[in-house]
Protein backbone atom coordinates (compact mmCIF):
# COMPACT_ATOMS: atom_id res chain seq x y z
CA MET A 1 -3.86 -14.33 20.98
CA LEU A 2 -4.50 -12.10 17.96
CA ASN A 3 -1.83 -9.69 19.20
CA ILE A 4 0.74 -12.49 19.24
CA ILE A 5 -0.22 -13.60 15.73
CA VAL A 6 0.01 -10.04 14.41
CA ILE A 7 3.40 -9.50 16.04
CA LEU A 8 4.81 -12.81 14.76
CA THR A 9 3.56 -12.32 11.21
CA ALA A 10 4.87 -8.74 11.17
CA ILE A 11 8.28 -9.94 12.29
CA ALA A 12 8.24 -12.78 9.74
CA GLN A 13 7.22 -10.49 6.89
CA GLY A 14 9.88 -7.96 7.80
CA LEU A 15 12.53 -10.66 8.01
CA VAL A 16 11.58 -12.19 4.65
CA GLY A 17 11.80 -8.77 2.97
CA LEU A 18 15.13 -8.04 4.68
CA PHE A 19 16.51 -11.49 3.82
CA VAL A 20 15.64 -11.16 0.12
CA TYR A 21 17.14 -7.67 0.00
CA GLN A 22 20.32 -8.76 1.80
CA LYS A 23 20.77 -11.74 -0.55
CA LYS A 24 21.64 -9.47 -3.49
CA LYS A 25 21.57 -5.77 -2.65
CA ASP A 26 22.34 -4.58 -6.17
CA SER A 27 19.40 -6.45 -7.72
CA LEU A 28 16.47 -4.18 -8.51
CA SER A 29 14.11 -7.15 -8.06
CA ASN A 30 15.44 -7.76 -4.56
CA ILE A 31 15.25 -4.07 -3.66
CA LEU A 32 11.65 -3.84 -4.91
CA PHE A 33 10.70 -7.05 -3.10
CA GLY A 34 12.11 -5.61 0.13
CA VAL A 35 10.19 -2.35 -0.35
CA LEU A 36 7.04 -4.29 -1.28
CA SER A 37 7.42 -6.31 1.89
CA LEU A 38 7.75 -3.09 3.91
CA GLY A 39 4.68 -1.59 2.20
CA SER A 40 2.65 -4.72 2.83
CA LEU A 41 3.75 -4.76 6.45
CA SER A 42 2.70 -1.11 6.87
CA TRP A 43 -0.67 -1.82 5.26
CA ALA A 44 -1.26 -4.87 7.46
CA LEU A 45 -0.35 -3.03 10.66
CA SER A 46 -2.59 -0.10 9.69
CA ASN A 47 -5.46 -2.51 9.22
CA TYR A 48 -4.74 -4.10 12.58
CA PHE A 49 -4.78 -0.71 14.34
CA TYR A 50 -8.12 0.02 12.70
CA THR A 51 -9.61 -3.21 14.10
CA LEU A 52 -8.68 -2.20 17.64
CA ASN A 53 -11.33 0.53 17.70
CA PRO A 54 -13.13 1.01 14.37
CA THR A 55 -15.58 3.56 15.76
CA ALA A 56 -13.05 5.91 17.33
CA GLU A 57 -12.58 9.51 16.27
CA SER A 58 -9.38 8.41 14.55
CA ALA A 59 -11.16 5.91 12.27
CA LEU A 60 -11.17 8.28 9.29
CA GLN A 61 -7.46 9.00 9.61
CA ILE A 62 -6.63 5.31 9.93
CA ILE A 63 -8.76 4.48 6.87
CA ARG A 64 -6.92 7.17 4.91
CA ILE A 65 -3.56 5.75 6.02
CA ILE A 66 -4.68 2.26 4.96
CA MET A 67 -5.60 3.61 1.52
CA PHE A 68 -2.24 5.40 1.32
CA PHE A 69 -0.47 2.08 1.86
CA VAL A 70 -2.73 0.42 -0.73
CA VAL A 71 -1.39 2.88 -3.30
CA VAL A 72 2.18 2.21 -2.13
CA GLN A 73 1.65 -1.55 -2.37
CA ASN A 74 0.03 -1.36 -5.80
CA SER A 75 2.77 0.90 -7.14
CA ILE A 76 5.65 -1.22 -5.87
CA PHE A 77 3.91 -4.43 -6.98
CA PHE A 78 3.51 -2.93 -10.46
CA MET A 79 7.22 -2.08 -10.56
CA PHE A 80 8.24 -5.47 -9.18
CA ALA A 81 6.05 -7.37 -11.65
CA GLN A 82 7.45 -5.34 -14.56
CA ILE A 83 11.04 -6.16 -13.60
CA TYR A 84 10.99 -9.65 -12.08
CA PRO A 85 12.80 -12.02 -12.69
CA SER A 86 15.39 -9.69 -14.18
CA SER A 87 17.60 -7.74 -11.82
CA LYS A 88 17.82 -4.75 -14.15
CA LEU A 89 15.35 -2.18 -15.42
CA THR A 90 13.65 -3.38 -18.60
CA ILE A 91 10.88 -0.79 -19.08
CA PRO A 92 11.30 2.78 -20.32
CA LYS A 93 12.34 5.25 -17.63
CA LYS A 94 9.79 7.77 -18.88
CA ARG A 95 6.96 5.28 -18.26
CA ILE A 96 8.24 4.65 -14.75
CA ALA A 97 8.58 8.37 -14.04
CA VAL A 98 5.01 9.11 -15.19
CA PHE A 99 3.61 6.16 -13.25
CA MET A 100 5.48 7.07 -10.07
CA MET A 101 4.37 10.72 -10.28
CA LEU A 102 0.77 9.58 -10.73
CA SER A 103 1.22 7.20 -7.80
CA LEU A 104 2.56 10.01 -5.62
CA VAL A 105 -0.40 12.23 -6.47
CA VAL A 106 -2.90 9.44 -5.77
CA ALA A 107 -1.13 8.50 -2.51
CA VAL A 108 -1.31 12.10 -1.27
CA MET A 109 -4.97 12.31 -2.36
CA THR A 110 -5.83 9.32 -0.14
CA LEU A 111 -4.81 11.34 2.91
CA THR A 112 -7.35 14.06 2.12
CA PRO A 113 -11.16 14.30 1.93
CA LEU A 114 -10.87 13.89 -1.84
CA VAL A 115 -10.90 10.07 -1.53
CA PHE A 116 -12.82 9.59 1.74
CA ARG A 117 -14.54 12.68 3.11
CA SER A 118 -16.02 11.28 6.32
CA VAL A 119 -17.01 8.21 8.29
CA THR A 120 -20.51 7.25 9.35
CA VAL A 121 -20.77 5.04 12.42
CA SER A 122 -23.68 2.62 12.69
CA ASP A 123 -24.03 -0.73 14.45
CA ASN A 124 -20.51 -0.40 15.90
CA GLN A 125 -19.08 -0.22 12.38
CA SER A 126 -17.53 2.74 10.66
CA ASN A 127 -18.43 3.17 7.03
CA PRO A 128 -16.25 5.54 5.00
CA ASN A 129 -18.07 7.97 2.73
CA PRO A 130 -16.28 8.30 -0.61
CA GLY A 131 -15.06 11.65 -1.82
CA PRO A 132 -15.20 12.98 -5.38
CA LEU A 133 -11.86 11.50 -6.49
CA ILE A 134 -12.37 7.89 -5.37
CA PRO A 135 -12.61 6.90 -9.09
CA ILE A 136 -9.02 8.14 -9.58
CA PHE A 137 -7.91 5.83 -6.76
CA ALA A 138 -9.80 2.96 -8.38
CA LEU A 139 -8.29 3.65 -11.82
CA HIS A 140 -4.80 3.67 -10.32
CA ALA A 141 -5.47 0.32 -8.64
CA ILE A 142 -6.86 -1.19 -11.85
CA TYR A 143 -3.91 0.06 -13.89
CA SER A 144 -1.35 -1.04 -11.30
CA ILE A 145 -2.66 -4.56 -11.04
CA GLY A 146 -4.36 -4.97 -14.40
CA THR A 147 -1.48 -4.10 -16.71
CA ILE A 148 0.93 -6.73 -15.45
């Protein structure tokens, strides 16, 4: 039953993002909403794959992929919230460039041991062990969501 729910919600989310984008392709808000929808869909599916076998050898890689999509979601949400409801860019391009470069660095970091170095399995649960740069990930999340 869960598989059916996941498949139906994934299809619905993809269709909503595609519909909004198709409605007005030259609108930056619509483009960002479509990309946000795709990022959220990727994050949700990554989480679902993790739940299938959270104690597998691949748990650490899946957790890192989930965190990667968290950064993508936060970054696109930040951009969308800065622009919506306008359809044009209203914030300085330099600010966007700096933020997107920072986001790219943080996203790549999530795929390495710098954010999560390992996973400890106990009681059929995998618990990620934070790496030295997890505070950078947290600061990015706080900035992305907190400055809107």
